[in-house]
Amino acid sequence: MSSPSHSEGRPLPGRPPLKAEEAPAPWSFRETWLALLIPLVPWLLLALGSQLQGSRLPAPKTPLSLQQDLEGALTALLSTMIVEGAFLLVALFFARRALRRQAESQPAEPLVTERSGEATSRLAPSVARRKHIPVGAVLHALGLRRFHPLFVWLVIAFLALLYVVNSLYSALLEGLHLPLQTNDQVILESSRLAPLTTVALLVLAVLVAPLCEEIFFRGFVLPGLRRGLATGWAIVVSALVFGLAHADLGSLPVLIVIGLLLAILRWWSGSIYPGLLLHMLNNGISAMVILLYMLGRLH
């Protein structure tokens, strides 16, 4: 896998550059915020309402029946697909619309007739078809591109860094006796009562959420923020929004750090794939730990 872009400096002969130069996003800074608010506001309101309702209801103390657990798993599957799908569809819609607008703004090339040799105002077929934007062009604009294989080592380094950050944060919460629960702790507690629902949530967290969130936050939001902010500030703002979007106060500091590392990977590599790999590995390790607890292998 090699980066198709050129670097700022002059790369070594035969060796692709590590830092990929990238054209500005075709969507505007304003469109970025509009696309961000469309799925984010309803989701945060729904999450807040769910948490308030859950705090008022007594927590179940006995495991759910198989039917109740299966219904919970299907509900979790459906609701997660709707939420994550909303982020994905918004990114695809705004990116495609921006690419179409960009194509339509290009000047038309006149055709030269074979008989007279005179230019006519009729558009060339390639220009006339510009209103149709291929899916591949949309995905490429959203960062689904090849990247330099050395970024895999950076993914591993960032994964180790996240382990350290998680350990320090957990020790801080325990040392200060803060009444905060991370999302993993909530899932772990619910696993004793609803194992099927827990497994469904873990599968979605590893396979579905990383793809949709990387396309939206790092493929769409980050490049769009760079249209109106310096790169450093765009990375910070995208990380803050990413953390807040999880509606998980207990894990917010760690989520912001994760958002920073994912945004840095996107900026340096020019692709969302390294961040997608890091995101899936991070969620996968957390899911594996919870599954081991459920199986009684960890205490």
Protein backbone atom coordinates (compact mmCIF):
# COMPACT_ATOMS: atom_id res chain seq x y z
CA MET A 1 0.00 0.00 0.00
CA SER A 2 1.55 3.25 -1.04
CA SER A 3 0.28 6.77 -0.73
CA PRO A 4 -0.83 8.31 -4.02
CA SER A 5 -0.10 11.83 -2.84
CA HIS A 6 3.07 13.91 -2.93
CA SER A 7 4.87 15.04 0.21
CA GLU A 8 6.06 18.45 1.21
CA GLY A 9 9.70 17.52 0.77
CA ARG A 10 11.38 15.53 -1.95
CA PRO A 11 10.95 11.80 -1.25
CA LEU A 12 13.73 9.29 -1.74
CA PRO A 13 13.77 7.65 -5.18
CA GLY A 14 11.43 4.70 -5.30
CA ARG A 15 10.08 5.36 -1.81
CA PRO A 16 6.62 6.86 -1.25
CA PRO A 17 6.36 9.82 1.13
CA LEU A 18 5.11 9.31 4.67
CA LYS A 19 3.30 12.65 4.93
CA ALA A 20 0.56 12.86 2.32
CA GLU A 21 -0.43 16.19 0.83
CA GLU A 22 -4.17 16.50 0.45
CA ALA A 23 -6.39 18.85 -1.51
CA PRO A 24 -8.92 20.88 0.53
CA ALA A 25 -12.24 19.17 1.14
CA PRO A 26 -14.85 20.08 -1.51
CA TRP A 27 -17.43 20.74 1.21
CA SER A 28 -17.34 24.02 3.12
CA PHE A 29 -16.70 24.81 6.78
CA ARG A 30 -20.36 25.75 7.16
CA GLU A 31 -21.55 22.52 5.56
CA THR A 32 -19.33 20.60 7.96
CA TRP A 33 -21.05 22.07 11.01
CA LEU A 34 -24.49 21.58 9.47
CA ALA A 35 -23.74 17.94 8.71
CA LEU A 36 -22.36 17.54 12.22
CA LEU A 37 -25.45 18.90 13.93
CA ILE A 38 -28.00 16.90 11.90
CA PRO A 39 -27.24 13.49 13.48
CA LEU A 40 -25.47 14.67 16.63
CA VAL A 41 -28.18 16.79 18.27
CA PRO A 42 -30.98 14.17 18.04
CA TRP A 43 -28.59 11.45 19.21
CA LEU A 44 -27.41 13.42 22.26
CA LEU A 45 -30.99 14.33 23.21
CA LEU A 46 -32.02 10.69 22.86
CA ALA A 47 -29.05 9.50 24.93
CA LEU A 48 -29.72 12.10 27.63
CA GLY A 49 -33.39 11.14 27.81
CA SER A 50 -32.50 7.46 28.01
CA GLN A 51 -30.04 8.07 30.84
CA LEU A 52 -32.55 10.17 32.79
CA GLN A 53 -35.24 7.54 32.37
CA GLY A 54 -32.84 4.78 33.36
CA SER A 55 -31.82 6.62 36.53
CA ARG A 56 -35.45 6.79 37.66
CA LEU A 57 -36.22 3.13 37.08
CA PRO A 58 -35.05 0.44 39.51
CA ALA A 59 -32.21 -1.62 38.09
CA PRO A 60 -33.09 -5.30 37.50
CA LYS A 61 -31.39 -7.66 39.92
CA THR A 62 -32.11 -10.98 38.22
CA PRO A 63 -31.00 -12.12 34.76
CA LEU A 64 -33.45 -11.55 31.94
CA SER A 65 -35.26 -14.43 30.36
CA LEU A 66 -33.98 -15.73 27.03
CA GLN A 67 -36.82 -14.02 25.17
CA GLN A 68 -36.26 -10.69 26.94
CA ASP A 69 -32.53 -10.90 26.31
CA LEU A 70 -33.05 -11.71 22.64
CA GLU A 71 -35.46 -8.79 22.29
CA GLY A 72 -32.89 -6.54 23.95
CA ALA A 73 -30.19 -7.74 21.54
CA LEU A 74 -32.39 -7.04 18.53
CA THR A 75 -33.29 -3.61 19.90
CA ALA A 76 -29.62 -2.81 20.48
CA LEU A 77 -28.79 -3.97 16.96
CA LEU A 78 -31.53 -1.88 15.37
CA SER A 79 -30.90 1.28 17.39
CA THR A 80 -27.14 1.15 16.87
CA MET A 81 -27.50 0.59 13.13
CA ILE A 82 -29.87 3.58 12.93
CA VAL A 83 -27.56 5.90 14.87
CA GLU A 84 -24.32 4.83 13.18
CA GLY A 85 -26.06 4.69 9.81
CA ALA A 86 -27.25 8.27 10.25
CA PHE A 87 -23.66 9.48 10.68
CA LEU A 88 -22.56 7.48 7.64
CA LEU A 89 -25.39 8.62 5.37
CA VAL A 90 -24.95 12.28 6.30
CA ALA A 91 -21.26 12.12 5.39
CA LEU A 92 -21.98 10.38 2.08
CA PHE A 93 -24.76 12.82 1.19
CA PHE A 94 -22.82 16.02 1.86
CA ALA A 95 -19.63 14.69 0.25
CA ARG A 96 -21.47 13.63 -2.91
CA ARG A 97 -23.35 16.92 -3.10
CA ALA A 98 -20.11 18.89 -2.75
CA LEU A 99 -18.38 16.83 -5.45
CA ARG A 100 -21.32 17.32 -7.79
CA ARG A 101 -21.28 21.07 -7.17
CA GLN A 102 -17.54 21.12 -7.78
CA ALA A 103 -17.94 19.22 -11.06
CA GLU A 104 -20.76 21.45 -12.28
CA SER A 105 -18.74 24.59 -11.56
CA GLN A 106 -15.98 23.52 -13.96
CA PRO A 107 -16.15 25.29 -17.34
CA ALA A 108 -17.62 23.27 -20.16
CA GLU A 109 -15.31 22.26 -22.99
CA PRO A 110 -16.73 22.99 -26.47
CA LEU A 111 -16.79 20.29 -29.09
CA VAL A 112 -15.21 20.74 -32.51
CA THR A 113 -17.32 19.25 -35.29
CA GLU A 114 -15.61 17.04 -37.82
CA ARG A 115 -17.27 18.66 -40.84
CA SER A 116 -16.74 22.35 -40.20
CA GLY A 117 -14.00 22.30 -37.60
CA GLU A 118 -15.89 25.00 -35.72
CA ALA A 119 -16.43 24.95 -31.98
CA THR A 120 -19.98 24.47 -30.83
CA SER A 121 -21.61 25.13 -27.49
CA ARG A 122 -22.60 21.50 -27.10
CA LEU A 123 -20.94 19.85 -24.11
CA ALA A 124 -18.54 16.99 -24.50
CA PRO A 125 -19.95 13.64 -23.27
CA SER A 126 -17.44 13.50 -20.41
CA VAL A 127 -18.57 16.93 -19.23
CA ALA A 128 -22.24 16.14 -19.63
CA ARG A 129 -21.87 13.13 -17.39
CA ARG A 130 -20.21 15.05 -14.57
CA LYS A 131 -23.46 15.29 -12.65
CA HIS A 132 -23.13 11.58 -11.99
CA ILE A 133 -20.57 11.20 -9.22
CA PRO A 134 -19.15 7.67 -8.91
CA VAL A 135 -19.27 6.06 -5.48
CA GLY A 136 -15.52 5.57 -5.66
CA ALA A 137 -14.97 9.32 -5.97
CA VAL A 138 -17.11 9.94 -2.88
CA LEU A 139 -15.27 7.32 -0.85
CA HIS A 140 -11.91 8.68 -1.98
CA ALA A 141 -12.92 12.18 -0.91
CA LEU A 142 -13.86 10.76 2.49
CA GLY A 143 -10.39 9.32 2.99
CA LEU A 144 -10.79 5.70 1.90
CA ARG A 145 -7.39 5.64 0.20
CA ARG A 146 -4.19 3.64 0.21
CA PHE A 147 -1.57 4.53 2.79
CA HIS A 148 2.09 3.87 3.51
CA PRO A 149 2.57 0.53 5.34
CA LEU A 150 4.85 2.15 7.93
CA PHE A 151 1.75 3.72 9.47
CA VAL A 152 0.86 0.26 10.79
CA TRP A 153 3.75 0.65 13.25
CA LEU A 154 2.36 3.99 14.33
CA VAL A 155 -1.01 2.32 14.91
CA ILE A 156 0.69 -0.21 17.19
CA ALA A 157 2.50 2.58 19.06
CA PHE A 158 -0.74 4.53 19.51
CA LEU A 159 -2.49 1.37 20.72
CA ALA A 160 0.17 0.93 23.40
CA LEU A 161 -0.20 4.59 24.33
CA LEU A 162 -3.96 4.14 24.73
CA TYR A 163 -3.34 1.23 27.09
CA VAL A 164 -1.19 3.48 29.26
CA VAL A 165 -3.78 6.29 29.15
CA ASN A 166 -6.59 3.89 30.09
CA SER A 167 -4.59 2.46 32.98
CA LEU A 168 -3.68 5.88 34.35
CA TYR A 169 -7.24 7.13 34.03
CA SER A 170 -8.67 4.06 35.79
CA ALA A 171 -6.15 4.48 38.61
CA LEU A 172 -7.09 8.16 38.88
CA LEU A 173 -10.79 7.38 39.18
CA GLU A 174 -10.13 4.78 41.87
CA GLY A 175 -7.66 6.96 43.75
CA LEU A 176 -9.96 9.98 43.85
CA HIS A 177 -13.07 7.83 44.48
CA LEU A 178 -14.94 9.68 41.75
CA PRO A 179 -18.51 8.44 41.20
CA LEU A 180 -17.99 7.95 37.47
CA GLN A 181 -18.62 4.82 35.47
CA THR A 182 -17.07 4.22 32.08
CA ASN A 183 -19.11 2.69 29.29
CA ASP A 184 -17.11 -0.53 29.55
CA GLN A 185 -18.02 -0.83 33.23
CA VAL A 186 -21.70 -0.33 32.44
CA ILE A 187 -21.57 -3.02 29.73
CA LEU A 188 -19.70 -5.37 32.05
CA GLU A 189 -22.33 -5.00 34.77
CA SER A 190 -25.18 -5.52 32.32
CA SER A 191 -23.50 -8.65 30.93
CA ARG A 192 -24.54 -10.62 34.01
CA LEU A 193 -28.18 -9.77 33.38
CA ALA A 194 -28.36 -9.70 29.57
CA PRO A 195 -25.49 -11.67 27.99
CA LEU A 196 -26.97 -11.80 24.48
CA THR A 197 -27.56 -8.05 24.44
CA THR A 198 -24.02 -7.51 25.67
CA VAL A 199 -22.52 -9.69 22.93
CA ALA A 200 -24.58 -7.85 20.31
CA LEU A 201 -23.31 -4.49 21.58
CA LEU A 202 -19.71 -5.72 21.57
CA VAL A 203 -19.95 -7.00 17.99
CA LEU A 204 -21.40 -3.68 16.85
CA ALA A 205 -18.71 -1.77 18.74
CA VAL A 206 -15.95 -3.67 16.96
CA LEU A 207 -17.31 -4.06 13.43
CA VAL A 208 -19.87 -1.32 12.76
CA ALA A 209 -19.11 1.71 14.94
CA PRO A 210 -15.44 2.16 13.90
CA LEU A 211 -16.24 2.20 10.17
CA CYS A 212 -19.15 4.64 10.42
CA GLU A 213 -17.40 6.91 12.91
CA GLU A 214 -14.11 7.04 11.00
CA ILE A 215 -15.86 7.94 7.76
CA PHE A 216 -17.87 10.65 9.51
CA PHE A 217 -15.45 12.18 12.04
CA ARG A 218 -12.10 11.70 10.31
CA GLY A 219 -13.23 11.33 6.71
CA PHE A 220 -15.75 14.17 6.65
CA VAL A 221 -15.62 16.38 9.76
CA LEU A 222 -11.84 16.78 10.12
CA PRO A 223 -11.16 17.86 6.49
CA GLY A 224 -14.18 20.16 6.64
CA LEU A 225 -12.97 21.80 9.85
CA ARG A 226 -9.61 22.41 8.18
CA ARG A 227 -11.44 24.64 5.69
CA GLY A 228 -12.03 27.17 8.48
CA LEU A 229 -9.47 26.33 11.18
CA ALA A 230 -5.76 25.70 11.41
CA THR A 231 -4.95 21.99 11.26
CA GLY A 232 -4.05 21.78 14.95
CA TRP A 233 -7.32 23.37 16.03
CA ALA A 234 -9.28 21.22 13.59
CA ILE A 235 -7.76 18.11 15.17
CA VAL A 236 -8.61 19.31 18.69
CA VAL A 237 -12.18 20.32 17.81
CA SER A 238 -12.83 17.04 15.99
CA ALA A 239 -11.53 15.11 19.01
CA LEU A 240 -13.77 17.07 21.38
CA VAL A 241 -16.82 16.49 19.20
CA PHE A 242 -15.92 12.80 18.89
CA GLY A 243 -15.71 12.48 22.67
CA LEU A 244 -18.98 14.30 23.29
CA ALA A 245 -20.77 12.27 20.63
CA HIS A 246 -20.37 9.12 22.74
CA ALA A 247 -22.48 10.62 25.55
CA ASP A 248 -20.20 8.89 28.05
CA LEU A 249 -19.09 11.31 30.76
CA GLY A 250 -17.10 8.67 32.61
CA SER A 251 -14.91 7.94 29.58
CA LEU A 252 -14.83 11.46 28.12
CA PRO A 253 -11.11 12.24 28.78
CA VAL A 254 -10.02 8.92 27.27
CA LEU A 255 -12.37 9.36 24.31
CA ILE A 256 -10.88 12.78 23.59
CA VAL A 257 -7.37 11.28 23.61
CA ILE A 258 -8.56 8.55 21.23
CA GLY A 259 -10.07 11.22 18.99
CA LEU A 260 -6.78 13.13 18.95
CA LEU A 261 -4.77 10.07 17.95
CA LEU A 262 -7.26 9.05 15.26
CA ALA A 263 -7.27 12.57 13.81
CA ILE A 264 -3.47 12.68 13.80
CA LEU A 265 -3.37 9.39 11.92
CA ARG A 266 -5.85 10.74 9.38
CA TRP A 267 -3.85 13.93 8.88
CA TRP A 268 -0.45 12.28 8.61
CA SER A 269 -1.47 9.35 6.40
CA GLY A 270 -4.11 11.04 4.25
CA SER A 271 -6.29 7.96 4.77
CA ILE A 272 -8.85 6.83 7.33
CA TYR A 273 -7.65 3.22 7.18
CA PRO A 274 -4.89 3.53 9.83
CA GLY A 275 -7.36 5.17 12.20
CA LEU A 276 -9.96 2.54 11.37
CA LEU A 277 -7.46 -0.17 12.28
CA LEU A 278 -6.60 1.54 15.57
CA HIS A 279 -10.28 2.10 16.36
CA MET A 280 -11.20 -1.53 15.72
CA LEU A 281 -8.23 -2.87 17.69
CA ASN A 282 -8.96 -0.61 20.66
CA ASN A 283 -12.64 -1.58 20.74
CA GLY A 284 -11.76 -5.21 20.07
CA ILE A 285 -9.42 -5.43 23.05
CA SER A 286 -12.08 -3.92 25.33
CA ALA A 287 -14.66 -6.35 23.95
CA MET A 288 -12.32 -9.29 24.49
CA VAL A 289 -11.72 -8.32 28.12
CA ILE A 290 -15.47 -8.11 28.75
CA LEU A 291 -16.05 -11.48 27.07
CA LEU A 292 -13.34 -13.07 29.23
CA TYR A 293 -15.03 -11.68 32.31
CA MET A 294 -18.34 -13.11 31.12
CA LEU A 295 -16.74 -16.53 30.63
CA GLY A 296 -15.22 -16.41 34.10
CA ARG A 297 -11.63 -16.28 32.84
CA LEU A 298 -10.95 -12.93 34.52
CA HIS A 299 -11.97 -11.70 37.96
